[in-house]
Amino acid sequence: MKPNEKNDDDRVTCPICGHRIRSSFLTVHVTAEQWTLKRIQQDHPEWREEDGVCTRCWDHYRNLAVKGI
């Protein structure tokens, strides 16, 4: 393998679209989702995941997670 050539060993197939992506992306995605849920619950203890959340609030908390990771 050439020095700048990427090894495909660190890639996985997305179960939704079938694209090959870096496995680290899945880890970041899952971590961000978990962090987002925990942060909403921390800021709003009465909130339960089953209650749902509007897109505006989800985007706000999700952006905080991505910045923090």
Protein backbone atom coordinates (compact mmCIF):
# COMPACT_ATOMS: atom_id res chain seq x y z
CA MET A 1 0.00 0.00 0.00
CA LYS A 2 1.24 3.50 -0.84
CA PRO A 3 1.84 5.95 2.05
CA ASN A 4 -1.17 8.15 1.20
CA GLU A 5 -3.48 5.26 0.34
CA LYS A 6 -6.22 4.60 2.89
CA ASN A 7 -6.81 1.11 4.20
CA ASP A 8 -10.45 0.03 3.82
CA ASP A 9 -10.25 -2.03 7.05
CA ASP A 10 -11.57 0.87 9.14
CA ARG A 11 -14.74 1.20 7.07
CA VAL A 12 -18.20 -0.22 7.65
CA THR A 13 -21.31 -0.32 5.53
CA CYS A 14 -24.20 1.96 6.50
CA PRO A 15 -27.23 -0.27 7.11
CA ILE A 16 -29.54 2.41 5.67
CA CYS A 17 -27.92 3.54 2.41
CA GLY A 18 -25.15 0.98 1.89
CA HIS A 19 -22.36 3.55 1.64
CA ARG A 20 -18.95 2.65 3.01
CA ILE A 21 -18.00 5.05 5.82
CA ARG A 22 -15.26 5.28 8.41
CA SER A 23 -16.19 3.26 11.46
CA SER A 24 -15.18 6.21 13.65
CA PHE A 25 -18.12 8.14 12.22
CA LEU A 26 -20.55 5.66 13.76
CA THR A 27 -18.85 6.03 17.12
CA VAL A 28 -19.08 9.82 16.97
CA HIS A 29 -22.71 9.63 15.88
CA VAL A 30 -23.75 7.30 18.69
CA THR A 31 -21.75 9.26 21.27
CA ALA A 32 -23.36 12.51 20.13
CA GLU A 33 -26.85 11.03 20.32
CA GLN A 34 -26.27 9.65 23.82
CA TRP A 35 -24.72 12.94 24.96
CA THR A 36 -27.65 14.88 23.49
CA LEU A 37 -30.23 12.79 25.35
CA LYS A 38 -28.32 13.05 28.63
CA ARG A 39 -27.88 16.81 28.25
CA ILE A 40 -31.59 17.37 27.60
CA GLN A 41 -32.41 15.28 30.68
CA GLN A 42 -29.84 17.20 32.71
CA ASP A 43 -31.30 20.56 31.73
CA HIS A 44 -34.91 19.34 31.92
CA PRO A 45 -35.16 16.56 34.55
CA GLU A 46 -38.89 16.20 34.00
CA TRP A 47 -38.33 15.33 30.31
CA ARG A 48 -38.46 11.72 29.19
CA GLU A 49 -37.21 10.42 25.86
CA GLU A 50 -40.71 9.12 25.13
CA ASP A 51 -41.97 12.73 25.30
CA GLY A 52 -40.07 13.60 22.12
CA VAL A 53 -38.58 16.95 21.27
CA CYS A 54 -39.08 19.45 18.47
CA THR A 55 -36.51 19.73 15.68
CA ARG A 56 -35.38 23.16 16.84
CA CYS A 57 -34.52 21.93 20.36
CA TRP A 58 -32.97 18.68 19.10
CA ASP A 59 -30.74 20.62 16.68
CA HIS A 60 -29.69 22.98 19.48
CA TYR A 61 -28.65 20.18 21.82
CA ARG A 62 -27.17 18.07 19.02
CA ASN A 63 -24.98 21.00 17.97
CA LEU A 64 -23.74 21.35 21.55
CA ALA A 65 -22.84 17.66 21.51
CA VAL A 66 -20.94 17.84 18.24
CA LYS A 67 -18.97 20.85 19.45
CA GLY A 68 -18.17 19.09 22.71
CA ILE A 69 -17.00 15.82 21.20
